[in-house]
Each structure stands twice: as C-alpha cells, then as structure tokens.
PDB file of N, CA and C in Angstrom:
ATOM      1  N   MET A   1       0.844  -1.163   0.000  1.00  0.00           N
ATOM      2  CA  MET A   1       0.000   0.000   0.000  1.00  0.00           C
ATOM      3  C   MET A   1       0.897   1.236   0.000  1.00  0.00           C
ATOM      4  N   SER A   2       0.638   2.136  -0.889  1.00  0.00           N
ATOM      5  CA  SER A   2       1.467   3.327  -1.024  1.00  0.00           C
ATOM      6  C   SER A   2       1.095   4.361   0.034  1.00  0.00           C
ATOM      7  N   GLN A   3       1.965   5.334   0.191  1.00  0.00           N
ATOM      8  CA  GLN A   3       1.744   6.422   1.144  1.00  0.00           C
ATOM      9  C   GLN A   3       0.456   7.178   0.801  1.00  0.00           C
ATOM     10  N   HIS A   4       0.179   7.354  -0.480  1.00  0.00           N
ATOM     11  CA  HIS A   4      -1.023   8.064  -0.935  1.00  0.00           C
ATOM     12  C   HIS A   4      -2.285   7.304  -0.518  1.00  0.00           C
ATOM     13  N   ASP A   5      -2.283   5.981  -0.669  1.00  0.00           N
ATOM     14  CA  ASP A   5      -3.434   5.159  -0.285  1.00  0.00           C
ATOM     15  C   ASP A   5      -3.656   5.205   1.228  1.00  0.00           C
ATOM     16  N   GLN A   6      -2.555   5.206   1.997  1.00  0.00           N
ATOM     17  CA  GLN A   6      -2.676   5.275   3.450  1.00  0.00           C
ATOM     18  C   GLN A   6      -3.268   6.611   3.895  1.00  0.00           C
ATOM     19  N   ASN A   7      -2.869   7.691   3.239  1.00  0.00           N
ATOM     20  CA  ASN A   7      -3.422   9.014   3.566  1.00  0.00           C
ATOM     21  C   ASN A   7      -4.920   9.057   3.268  1.00  0.00           C
ATOM     22  N   ASN A   8      -5.313   8.482   2.125  1.00  0.00           N
ATOM     23  CA  ASN A   8      -6.733   8.459   1.762  1.00  0.00           C
ATOM     24  C   ASN A   8      -7.531   7.627   2.769  1.00  0.00           C
ATOM     25  N   GLU A   9      -6.951   6.504   3.176  1.00  0.00           N
ATOM     26  CA  GLU A   9      -7.614   5.629   4.161  1.00  0.00           C
ATOM     27  C   GLU A   9      -7.820   6.378   5.484  1.00  0.00           C
ATOM     28  N   GLY A  10      -6.805   7.101   5.920  1.00  0.00           N
ATOM     29  CA  GLY A  10      -6.891   7.873   7.158  1.00  0.00           C
ATOM     30  C   GLY A  10      -7.928   8.985   7.055  1.00  0.00           C
ATOM     31  N   ARG A  11      -7.981   9.658   5.907  1.00  0.00           N
ATOM     32  CA  ARG A  11      -8.975  10.708   5.711  1.00  0.00           C
ATOM     33  C   ARG A  11     -10.387  10.131   5.737  1.00  0.00           C
ATOM     34  N   ARG A  12     -10.558   8.987   5.110  1.00  0.00           N
ATOM     35  CA  ARG A  12     -11.882   8.353   5.082  1.00  0.00           C
ATOM     36  C   ARG A  12     -12.348   8.005   6.493  1.00  0.00           C
ATOM     37  N   ARG A  13     -11.454   7.438   7.279  1.00  0.00           N
ATOM     38  CA  ARG A  13     -11.793   7.099   8.661  1.00  0.00           C
ATOM     39  C   ARG A  13     -12.157   8.344   9.464  1.00  0.00           C
ATOM     40  N   PHE A  14     -11.374   9.398   9.274  1.00  0.00           N
ATOM     41  CA  PHE A  14     -11.645  10.651   9.975  1.00  0.00           C
ATOM     42  C   PHE A  14     -13.003  11.216   9.565  1.00  0.00           C
ATOM     43  N   LEU A  15     -13.281  11.237   8.270  1.00  0.00           N
ATOM     44  CA  LEU A  15     -14.554  11.789   7.793  1.00  0.00           C
ATOM     45  C   LEU A  15     -15.737  10.955   8.281  1.00  0.00           C
ATOM     46  N   LYS A  16     -15.600   9.636   8.325  1.00  0.00           N
ATOM     47  CA  LYS A  16     -16.674   8.781   8.846  1.00  0.00           C
ATOM     48  C   LYS A  16     -16.922   9.071  10.323  1.00  0.00           C
ATOM     49  N   ALA A  17     -15.847   9.183  11.081  1.00  0.00           N
ATOM     50  CA  ALA A  17     -15.990   9.460  12.512  1.00  0.00           C
ATOM     51  C   ALA A  17     -16.597  10.846  12.732  1.00  0.00           C
ATOM     52  N   ALA A  18     -16.166  11.830  11.957  1.00  0.00           N
ATOM     53  CA  ALA A  18     -16.700  13.181  12.091  1.00  0.00           C
ATOM     54  C   ALA A  18     -18.182  13.207  11.729  1.00  0.00           C
ATOM     55  N   ALA A  19     -18.552  12.521  10.652  1.00  0.00           N
ATOM     56  CA  ALA A  19     -19.964  12.475  10.244  1.00  0.00           C
ATOM     57  C   ALA A  19     -20.805  11.786  11.317  1.00  0.00           C
ATOM     58  N   GLY A  20     -20.285  10.719  11.889  1.00  0.00           N
ATOM     59  CA  GLY A  20     -20.998  10.023  12.963  1.00  0.00           C
ATOM     60  C   GLY A  20     -21.177  10.910  14.183  1.00  0.00           C
ATOM     61  N   GLY A  21     -20.152  11.675  14.513  1.00  0.00           N
ATOM     62  CA  GLY A  21     -20.241  12.587  15.656  1.00  0.00           C
ATOM     63  C   GLY A  21     -21.261  13.690  15.426  1.00  0.00           C
ATOM     64  N   VAL A  22     -21.289  14.234  14.214  1.00  0.00           N
ATOM     65  CA  VAL A  22     -22.258  15.280  13.889  1.00  0.00           C
ATOM     66  C   VAL A  22     -23.674  14.715  13.945  1.00  0.00           C
ATOM     67  N   ALA A  23     -23.866  13.507  13.412  1.00  0.00           N
ATOM     68  CA  ALA A  23     -25.192  12.881  13.434  1.00  0.00           C
ATOM     69  C   ALA A  23     -25.639  12.616  14.875  1.00  0.00           C
ATOM     70  N   ALA A  24     -24.738  12.120  15.704  1.00  0.00           N
ATOM     71  CA  ALA A  24     -25.086  11.850  17.110  1.00  0.00           C
ATOM     72  C   ALA A  24     -25.440  13.144  17.832  1.00  0.00           C
ATOM     73  N   ALA A  25     -24.695  14.201  17.587  1.00  0.00           N
ATOM     74  CA  ALA A  25     -24.988  15.486  18.225  1.00  0.00           C
ATOM     75  C   ALA A  25     -26.347  16.021  17.782  1.00  0.00           C
ATOM     76  N   ALA A  26     -26.676  15.827  16.523  1.00  0.00           N
ATOM     77  CA  ALA A  26     -27.972  16.291  16.024  1.00  0.00           C
ATOM     78  C   ALA A  26     -29.118  15.532  16.681  1.00  0.00           C
ATOM     79  N   VAL A  27     -28.953  14.224  16.818  1.00  0.00           N
ATOM     80  CA  VAL A  27     -29.997  13.410  17.455  1.00  0.00           C
ATOM     81  C   VAL A  27     -30.140  13.777  18.924  1.00  0.00           C
ATOM     82  N   LEU A  28     -29.033  13.877  19.640  1.00  0.00           N
ATOM     83  CA  LEU A  28     -29.077  14.218  21.063  1.00  0.00           C
ATOM     84  C   LEU A  28     -29.639  15.619  21.294  1.00  0.00           C
ATOM     85  N   GLY A  29     -29.416  16.521  20.376  1.00  0.00           N
ATOM     86  CA  GLY A  29     -29.933  17.870  20.501  1.00  0.00           C
ATOM     87  C   GLY A  29     -31.438  17.946  20.369  1.00  0.00           C
ATOM     88  N   THR A  30     -32.042  16.951  19.726  1.00  0.00           N
ATOM     89  CA  THR A  30     -33.491  16.963  19.542  1.00  0.00           C
ATOM     90  C   THR A  30     -34.236  16.237  20.651  1.00  0.00           C
ATOM     91  N   LEU A  31     -33.526  15.521  21.510  1.00  0.00           N
ATOM     92  CA  LEU A  31     -34.184  14.806  22.600  1.00  0.00           C
ATOM     93  C   LEU A  31     -34.703  15.800  23.628  1.00  0.00           C
ATOM     94  N   PRO A  32     -35.856  15.500  24.228  1.00  0.00           N
ATOM     95  CA  PRO A  32     -36.369  16.426  25.244  1.00  0.00           C
ATOM     96  C   PRO A  32     -35.455  16.448  26.460  1.00  0.00           C
ATOM     97  N   ARG A  33     -35.337  17.607  27.058  1.00  0.00           N
ATOM     98  CA  ARG A  33     -34.503  17.761  28.243  1.00  0.00           C
ATOM     99  C   ARG A  33     -35.214  17.135  29.430  1.00  0.00           C
ATOM    100  N   ILE A  34     -34.490  16.402  30.231  1.00  0.00           N
ATOM    101  CA  ILE A  34     -35.065  15.787  31.424  1.00  0.00           C
ATOM    102  C   ILE A  34     -35.232  16.874  32.479  1.00  0.00           C
ATOM    103  N   ALA A  35     -36.433  16.996  32.979  1.00  0.00           N
ATOM    104  CA  ALA A  35     -36.724  18.048  33.952  1.00  0.00           C
ATOM    105  C   ALA A  35     -36.130  17.692  35.311  1.00  0.00           C
ATOM    106  N   SER A  36     -35.574  18.680  35.955  1.00  0.00           N
ATOM    107  CA  SER A  36     -35.107  18.469  37.319  1.00  0.00           C
ATOM    108  C   SER A  36     -36.242  18.813  38.272  1.00  0.00           C
ATOM    109  N   ALA A  37     -36.088  18.436  39.502  1.00  0.00           N
ATOM    110  CA  ALA A  37     -37.149  18.662  40.491  1.00  0.00           C
ATOM    111  C   ALA A  37     -37.496  20.139  40.619  1.00  0.00           C
ATOM    112  N   GLN A  38     -36.497  21.023  40.454  1.00  0.00           N
ATOM    113  CA  GLN A  38     -36.771  22.448  40.572  1.00  0.00           C
ATOM    114  C   GLN A  38     -37.664  22.936  39.431  1.00  0.00           C
ATOM    115  N   ASP A  39     -37.608  22.268  38.282  1.00  0.00           N
ATOM    116  CA  ASP A  39     -38.393  22.679  37.119  1.00  0.00           C
ATOM    117  C   ASP A  39     -39.846  22.221  37.196  1.00  0.00           C
ATOM    118  N   LEU A  40     -40.126  21.242  38.042  1.00  0.00           N
ATOM    119  CA  LEU A  40     -41.471  20.685  38.098  1.00  0.00           C
ATOM    120  C   LEU A  40     -42.431  21.619  38.829  1.00  0.00           C
ATOM    121  N   PRO A  41     -43.647  21.762  38.303  1.00  0.00           N
ATOM    122  CA  PRO A  41     -44.637  22.564  39.036  1.00  0.00           C
ATOM    123  C   PRO A  41     -45.078  21.810  40.286  1.00  0.00           C
ATOM    124  N   HIS A  42     -45.390  22.551  41.326  1.00  0.00           N
ATOM    125  CA  HIS A  42     -45.853  21.927  42.566  1.00  0.00           C
ATOM    126  C   HIS A  42     -47.263  21.376  42.366  1.00  0.00           C
ATOM    127  N   LEU A  43     -47.489  20.211  42.917  1.00  0.00           N
ATOM    128  CA  LEU A  43     -48.801  19.583  42.847  1.00  0.00           C
ATOM    129  C   LEU A  43     -49.791  20.383  43.683  1.00  0.00           C
ATOM    130  N   SER A  44     -50.908  20.712  43.082  1.00  0.00           N
ATOM    131  CA  SER A  44     -51.957  21.431  43.804  1.00  0.00           C
ATOM    132  C   SER A  44     -52.846  20.423  44.524  1.00  0.00           C
ATOM    133  N   PRO A  45     -53.206  20.689  45.758  1.00  0.00           N
ATOM    134  CA  PRO A  45     -54.118  19.795  46.475  1.00  0.00           C
ATOM    135  C   PRO A  45     -55.487  19.684  45.795  1.00  0.00           C
ATOM    136  N   THR A  46     -55.789  20.606  44.881  1.00  0.00           N
ATOM    137  CA  THR A  46     -57.068  20.552  44.163  1.00  0.00           C
ATOM    138  C   THR A  46     -56.966  19.794  42.842  1.00  0.00           C
ATOM    139  N   ASP A  47     -55.773  19.307  42.496  1.00  0.00           N
ATOM    140  CA  ASP A  47     -55.592  18.478  41.299  1.00  0.00           C
ATOM    141  C   ASP A  47     -56.480  17.240  41.445  1.00  0.00           C
ATOM    142  N   PRO A  48     -57.152  16.802  40.366  1.00  0.00           N
ATOM    143  CA  PRO A  48     -58.056  15.642  40.477  1.00  0.00           C
ATOM    144  C   PRO A  48     -57.389  14.382  41.050  1.00  0.00           C
ATOM    145  N   THR A  49     -56.157  14.097  40.643  1.00  0.00           N
ATOM    146  CA  THR A  49     -55.467  12.917  41.183  1.00  0.00           C
ATOM    147  C   THR A  49     -55.121  13.132  42.654  1.00  0.00           C
ATOM    148  N   ALA A  50     -54.703  14.352  42.989  1.00  0.00           N
ATOM    149  CA  ALA A  50     -54.397  14.666  44.389  1.00  0.00           C
ATOM    150  C   ALA A  50     -55.636  14.505  45.260  1.00  0.00           C
ATOM    151  N   LEU A  51     -56.782  14.960  44.759  1.00  0.00           N
ATOM    152  CA  LEU A  51     -58.032  14.810  45.509  1.00  0.00           C
ATOM    153  C   LEU A  51     -58.393  13.339  45.684  1.00  0.00           C
ATOM    154  N   ALA A  52     -58.219  12.558  44.611  1.00  0.00           N
ATOM    155  CA  ALA A  52     -58.553  11.131  44.674  1.00  0.00           C
ATOM    156  C   ALA A  52     -57.678  10.392  45.685  1.00  0.00           C
ATOM    157  N   LEU A  53     -56.414  10.814  45.800  1.00  0.00           N
ATOM    158  CA  LEU A  53     -55.493  10.154  46.731  1.00  0.00           C
ATOM    159  C   LEU A  53     -55.391  10.890  48.071  1.00  0.00           C
ATOM    160  N   LYS A  54     -56.261  11.877  48.261  1.00  0.00           N
ATOM    161  CA  LYS A  54     -56.322  12.650  49.508  1.00  0.00           C
ATOM    162  C   LYS A  54     -54.973  13.254  49.884  1.00  0.00           C
ATOM    163  N   TYR A  55     -54.257  13.758  48.861  1.00  0.00           N
ATOM    164  CA  TYR A  55     -52.956  14.382  49.067  1.00  0.00           C
ATOM    165  C   TYR A  55     -53.097  15.690  49.832  1.00  0.00           C
ATOM    166  N   VAL A  56     -52.204  15.889  50.795  1.00  0.00           N
ATOM    167  CA  VAL A  56     -52.107  17.159  51.520  1.00  0.00           C
ATOM    168  C   VAL A  56     -50.635  17.575  51.547  1.00  0.00           C
ATOM    169  N   GLU A  57     -50.392  18.857  51.473  1.00  0.00           N
ATOM    170  CA  GLU A  57     -49.016  19.355  51.495  1.00  0.00           C
ATOM    171  C   GLU A  57     -48.396  19.268  52.879  1.00  0.00           C
ATOM    172  N   ASP A  58     -49.202  19.292  53.907  1.00  0.00           N
ATOM    173  CA  ASP A  58     -48.727  19.186  55.286  1.00  0.00           C
ATOM    174  C   ASP A  58     -49.295  17.897  55.873  1.00  0.00           C
ATOM    175  N   GLY A  59     -48.459  16.862  55.924  1.00  0.00           N
ATOM    176  CA  GLY A  59     -48.896  15.552  56.392  1.00  0.00           C
ATOM    177  C   GLY A  59     -49.414  15.537  57.813  1.00  0.00           C
ATOM    178  N   SER A  60     -49.020  16.516  58.634  1.00  0.00           N
ATOM    179  CA  SER A  60     -49.509  16.549  60.011  1.00  0.00           C
ATOM    180  C   SER A  60     -51.003  16.862  60.064  1.00  0.00           C
ATOM    181  N   LYS A  61     -51.552  17.394  58.967  1.00  0.00           N
ATOM    182  CA  LYS A  61     -52.975  17.723  58.916  1.00  0.00           C
ATOM    183  C   LYS A  61     -53.795  16.650  58.206  1.00  0.00           C
ATOM    184  N   ALA A  62     -53.153  15.527  57.862  1.00  0.00           N
ATOM    185  CA  ALA A  62     -53.842  14.455  57.127  1.00  0.00           C
ATOM    186  C   ALA A  62     -54.712  13.635  58.064  1.00  0.00           C
ATOM    187  N   SER A  63     -55.906  13.335  57.593  1.00  0.00           N
ATOM    188  CA  SER A  63     -56.776  12.444  58.374  1.00  0.00           C
ATOM    189  C   SER A  63     -56.641  11.037  57.802  1.00  0.00           C
ATOM    190  N   GLY A  64     -56.642  10.054  58.655  1.00  0.00           N
ATOM    191  CA  GLY A  64     -56.519   8.665  58.212  1.00  0.00           C
ATOM    192  C   GLY A  64     -55.088   8.158  58.149  1.00  0.00           C
ATOM    193  N   LYS A  65     -54.142   8.935  58.616  1.00  0.00           N
ATOM    194  CA  LYS A  65     -52.743   8.516  58.625  1.00  0.00           C
ATOM    195  C   LYS A  65     -52.530   7.453  59.690  1.00  0.00           C
ATOM    196  N   LYS A  66     -51.825   6.375  59.340  1.00  0.00           N
ATOM    197  CA  LYS A  66     -51.589   5.288  60.303  1.00  0.00           C
ATOM    198  C   LYS A  66     -50.421   5.593  61.236  1.00  0.00           C
ATOM    199  N   ASP A  67     -49.390   6.226  60.694  1.00  0.00           N
ATOM    200  CA  ASP A  67     -48.198   6.525  61.486  1.00  0.00           C
ATOM    201  C   ASP A  67     -47.902   8.022  61.359  1.00  0.00           C
ATOM    202  N   PRO A  68     -47.789   8.731  62.453  1.00  0.00           N
ATOM    203  CA  PRO A  68     -47.543  10.174  62.383  1.00  0.00           C
ATOM    204  C   PRO A  68     -46.248  10.539  61.647  1.00  0.00           C
ATOM    205  N   LYS A  69     -45.282   9.607  61.580  1.00  0.00           N
ATOM    206  CA  LYS A  69     -44.016   9.876  60.903  1.00  0.00           C
ATOM    207  C   LYS A  69     -44.115   9.720  59.386  1.00  0.00           C
ATOM    208  N   ASP A  70     -45.222   9.167  58.885  1.00  0.00           N
ATOM    209  CA  ASP A  70     -45.366   8.976  57.441  1.00  0.00           C
ATOM    210  C   ASP A  70     -45.406  10.319  56.729  1.00  0.00           C
ATOM    211  N   ALA A  71     -44.609  10.438  55.680  1.00  0.00           N
ATOM    212  CA  ALA A  71     -44.569  11.642  54.850  1.00  0.00           C
ATOM    213  C   ALA A  71     -44.051  11.234  53.478  1.00  0.00           C
ATOM    214  N   CYS A  72     -44.264  12.086  52.506  1.00  0.00           N
ATOM    215  CA  CYS A  72     -43.800  11.796  51.151  1.00  0.00           C
ATOM    216  C   CYS A  72     -42.303  11.481  51.126  1.00  0.00           C
ATOM    217  N   MET A  73     -41.531  12.208  51.954  1.00  0.00           N
ATOM    218  CA  MET A  73     -40.073  12.023  51.931  1.00  0.00           C
ATOM    219  C   MET A  73     -39.633  10.622  52.352  1.00  0.00           C
ATOM    220  N   ASN A  74     -40.492   9.847  53.017  1.00  0.00           N
ATOM    221  CA  ASN A  74     -40.112   8.486  53.386  1.00  0.00           C
ATOM    222  C   ASN A  74     -41.041   7.462  52.736  1.00  0.00           C
ATOM    223  N   CYS A  75     -41.461   7.784  51.514  1.00  0.00           N
ATOM    224  CA  CYS A  75     -42.336   6.895  50.745  1.00  0.00           C
ATOM    225  C   CYS A  75     -41.556   6.316  49.557  1.00  0.00           C
ATOM    226  N   ASN A  76     -41.862   5.092  49.194  1.00  0.00           N
ATOM    227  CA  ASN A  76     -41.190   4.447  48.064  1.00  0.00           C
ATOM    228  C   ASN A  76     -41.438   5.152  46.740  1.00  0.00           C
ATOM    229  N   PHE A  77     -42.534   5.872  46.605  1.00  0.00           N
ATOM    230  CA  PHE A  77     -42.860   6.541  45.350  1.00  0.00           C
ATOM    231  C   PHE A  77     -42.145   7.887  45.182  1.00  0.00           C
ATOM    232  N   TYR A  78     -41.632   8.423  46.266  1.00  0.00           N
ATOM    233  CA  TYR A  78     -40.971   9.739  46.260  1.00  0.00           C
ATOM    234  C   TYR A  78     -39.525   9.587  45.823  1.00  0.00           C
ATOM    235  N   SER A  79     -39.058  10.482  44.947  1.00  0.00           N
ATOM    236  CA  SER A  79     -37.662  10.398  44.495  1.00  0.00           C
ATOM    237  C   SER A  79     -36.933  11.735  44.632  1.00  0.00           C
ATOM    238  N   GLY A  80     -37.372  12.557  45.560  1.00  0.00           N
ATOM    239  CA  GLY A  80     -36.694  13.830  45.797  1.00  0.00           C
ATOM    240  C   GLY A  80     -35.396  13.632  46.562  1.00  0.00           C
ATOM    241  N   LYS A  81     -34.555  14.621  46.504  1.00  0.00           N
ATOM    242  CA  LYS A  81     -33.276  14.562  47.212  1.00  0.00           C
ATOM    243  C   LYS A  81     -33.495  14.776  48.708  1.00  0.00           C
ATOM    244  N   ALA A  82     -32.649  14.157  49.494  1.00  0.00           N
ATOM    245  CA  ALA A  82     -32.722  14.312  50.955  1.00  0.00           C
ATOM    246  C   ALA A  82     -32.552  15.781  51.312  1.00  0.00           C
ATOM    247  N   GLY A  83     -33.416  16.268  52.158  1.00  0.00           N
ATOM    248  CA  GLY A  83     -33.344  17.647  52.600  1.00  0.00           C
ATOM    249  C   GLY A  83     -34.094  18.633  51.717  1.00  0.00           C
ATOM    250  N   ALA A  84     -34.532  18.196  50.538  1.00  0.00           N
ATOM    251  CA  ALA A  84     -35.292  19.084  49.650  1.00  0.00           C
ATOM    252  C   ALA A  84     -36.717  19.217  50.170  1.00  0.00           C
ATOM    253  N   SER A  85     -37.311  20.376  49.993  1.00  0.00           N
ATOM    254  CA  SER A  85     -38.680  20.568  50.484  1.00  0.00           C
ATOM    255  C   SER A  85     -39.723  20.075  49.485  1.00  0.00           C
ATOM    256  N   TRP A  86     -39.346  19.896  48.226  1.00  0.00           N
ATOM    257  CA  TRP A  86     -40.242  19.368  47.191  1.00  0.00           C
ATOM    258  C   TRP A  86     -39.465  18.370  46.347  1.00  0.00           C
ATOM    259  N   GLY A  87     -40.185  17.398  45.781  1.00  0.00           N
ATOM    260  CA  GLY A  87     -39.526  16.420  44.918  1.00  0.00           C
ATOM    261  C   GLY A  87     -40.529  15.654  44.083  1.00  0.00           C
ATOM    262  N   PRO A  88     -40.047  14.942  43.072  1.00  0.00           N
ATOM    263  CA  PRO A  88     -40.924  14.174  42.191  1.00  0.00           C
ATOM    264  C   PRO A  88     -41.523  12.958  42.889  1.00  0.00           C
ATOM    265  N   CYS A  89     -42.702  12.580  42.439  1.00  0.00           N
ATOM    266  CA  CYS A  89     -43.386  11.393  42.951  1.00  0.00           C
ATOM    267  C   CYS A  89     -43.913  10.613  41.759  1.00  0.00           C
ATOM    268  N   GLN A  90     -43.741   9.299  41.783  1.00  0.00           N
ATOM    269  CA  GLN A  90     -44.204   8.445  40.686  1.00  0.00           C
ATOM    270  C   GLN A  90     -45.716   8.482  40.528  1.00  0.00           C
ATOM    271  N   LEU A  91     -46.440   8.774  41.572  1.00  0.00           N
ATOM    272  CA  LEU A  91     -47.904   8.800  41.510  1.00  0.00           C
ATOM    273  C   LEU A  91     -48.428  10.055  40.819  1.00  0.00           C
ATOM    274  N   PHE A  92     -47.607  11.094  40.778  1.00  0.00           N
ATOM    275  CA  PHE A  92     -48.001  12.369  40.180  1.00  0.00           C
ATOM    276  C   PHE A  92     -46.946  12.787  39.150  1.00  0.00           C
ATOM    277  N   PRO A  93     -46.889  12.104  38.008  1.00  0.00           N
ATOM    278  CA  PRO A  93     -45.843  12.392  37.011  1.00  0.00           C
ATOM    279  C   PRO A  93     -45.877  13.851  36.555  1.00  0.00           C
ATOM    280  N   GLY A  94     -44.690  14.424  36.454  1.00  0.00           N
ATOM    281  CA  GLY A  94     -44.573  15.795  35.996  1.00  0.00           C
ATOM    282  C   GLY A  94     -44.865  16.844  37.051  1.00  0.00           C
ATOM    283  N   LYS A  95     -45.064  16.419  38.290  1.00  0.00           N
ATOM    284  CA  LYS A  95     -45.359  17.356  39.380  1.00  0.00           C
ATOM    285  C   LYS A  95     -44.421  17.058  40.547  1.00  0.00           C
ATOM    286  N   ALA A  96     -44.181  18.075  41.347  1.00  0.00           N
ATOM    287  CA  ALA A  96     -43.397  17.909  42.567  1.00  0.00           C
ATOM    288  C   ALA A  96     -44.350  17.932  43.753  1.00  0.00           C
ATOM    289  N   VAL A  97     -44.109  17.040  44.692  1.00  0.00           N
ATOM    290  CA  VAL A  97     -44.928  16.982  45.905  1.00  0.00           C
ATOM    291  C   VAL A  97     -44.106  17.501  47.082  1.00  0.00           C
ATOM    292  N   ALA A  98     -44.795  17.958  48.104  1.00  0.00           N
ATOM    293  CA  ALA A  98     -44.118  18.450  49.310  1.00  0.00           C
ATOM    294  C   ALA A  98     -43.484  17.272  50.046  1.00  0.00           C
ATOM    295  N   ALA A  99     -42.236  17.425  50.441  1.00  0.00           N
ATOM    296  CA  ALA A  99     -41.552  16.354  51.169  1.00  0.00           C
ATOM    297  C   ALA A  99     -42.298  15.988  52.441  1.00  0.00           C
ATOM    298  N   ASN A 100     -42.949  16.970  53.063  1.00  0.00           N
ATOM    299  CA  ASN A 100     -43.707  16.735  54.288  1.00  0.00           C
ATOM    300  C   ASN A 100     -45.163  16.416  54.010  1.00  0.00           C
ATOM    301  N   GLY A 101     -45.512  16.238  52.736  1.00  0.00           N
ATOM    302  CA  GLY A 101     -46.886  15.919  52.367  1.00  0.00           C
ATOM    303  C   GLY A 101     -47.222  14.463  52.652  1.00  0.00           C
ATOM    304  N   TRP A 102     -48.434  14.090  52.277  1.00  0.00           N
ATOM    305  CA  TRP A 102     -48.890  12.719  52.506  1.00  0.00           C
ATOM    306  C   TRP A 102     -50.084  12.443  51.597  1.00  0.00           C
ATOM    307  N   CYS A 103     -50.271  11.168  51.214  1.00  0.00           N
ATOM    308  CA  CYS A 103     -51.475  10.729  50.508  1.00  0.00           C
ATOM    309  C   CYS A 103     -51.810   9.297  50.933  1.00  0.00           C
ATOM    310  N   VAL A 104     -52.987   8.828  50.597  1.00  0.00           N
ATOM    311  CA  VAL A 104     -53.423   7.502  51.040  1.00  0.00           C
ATOM    312  C   VAL A 104     -52.617   6.376  50.404  1.00  0.00           C
ATOM    313  N   SER A 105     -51.877   6.665  49.348  1.00  0.00           N
ATOM    314  CA  SER A 105     -51.067   5.626  48.706  1.00  0.00           C
ATOM    315  C   SER A 105     -49.654   5.541  49.291  1.00  0.00           C
ATOM    316  N   HIS A 106     -49.426   6.194  50.419  1.00  0.00           N
ATOM    317  CA  HIS A 106     -48.108   6.179  51.044  1.00  0.00           C
ATOM    318  C   HIS A 106     -47.636   4.745  51.238  1.00  0.00           C
ATOM    319  N   ALA A 107     -46.437   4.463  50.771  1.00  0.00           N
ATOM    320  CA  ALA A 107     -45.812   3.142  50.926  1.00  0.00           C
ATOM    321  C   ALA A 107     -44.481   3.347  51.626  1.00  0.00           C
ATOM    322  N   ALA A 108     -44.442   3.050  52.901  1.00  0.00           N
ATOM    323  CA  ALA A 108     -43.225   3.293  53.693  1.00  0.00           C
ATOM    324  C   ALA A 108     -42.038   2.530  53.137  1.00  0.00           C
ATOM    325  N   MET A 109     -40.872   3.190  53.144  1.00  0.00           N
ATOM    326  CA  MET A 109     -39.640   2.537  52.699  1.00  0.00           C
ATOM    327  C   MET A 109     -39.207   1.533  53.752  1.00  0.00           C
ATOM    328  N   MET A 110     -38.711   0.449  53.300  1.00  0.00           N
ATOM    329  CA  MET A 110     -38.238  -0.606  54.207  1.00  0.00           C
ATOM    330  C   MET A 110     -36.757  -0.509  54.377  1.00  0.00           C
TER     331      MET A 110
END
C-alpha cells in the first residue's frame, strides 16, 4: 500500500468518525430535556389525582394517617433529594410533591 493510499484511508476514517459525531450530536440535541425537580410545578391539592389520593401538602394535617411519621419524603414513590422541600413522585408524574406531604397511597420505605 502506497503512502497516498494510506493518507486516503486515514482521511476516510476521519470523515466517517466526524460524520458520525455530527449525526449523534444532532440526534441528542433533539431529545427532550429531562426536567429536574426544581423545574417541576408543585402539585396542587385541588388536582383531580391529588383529591382522589387525599394528598395534603402538610402531612400533620392528614386524616386517616396510620403513622404520624409517614410523609412523602419516606415513601417508596418519592424520588426527591434528601433535605429538599419538594420532589418528584411516581404517583403524580410531571409534578413535585411536598416532602412533608402525605397521601393515602403512602408506601413506607423498608
């Protein structure tokens, strides 16, 4: 293989890699941005799902609670960061719930 053929081979590899990188960047740029907990709107207690699950922002005011320590922050469905006052909940997609809140679907972490 001559020096000229090796240079062409190297250029081809470079151009393929560059084209692949540009294509990947274009695809990744079109993907929706994953919302962080700060970006999520707070769940309103008047939301239909919140009403159905008897959600309250202050768990100390909840009626029907089995354990006074139960709160969203210690529920399996809650995925907020420790110490945060609001965080995402699997039961209310796209909304943030109060860490000190509560609903009838509370599932204590084991």
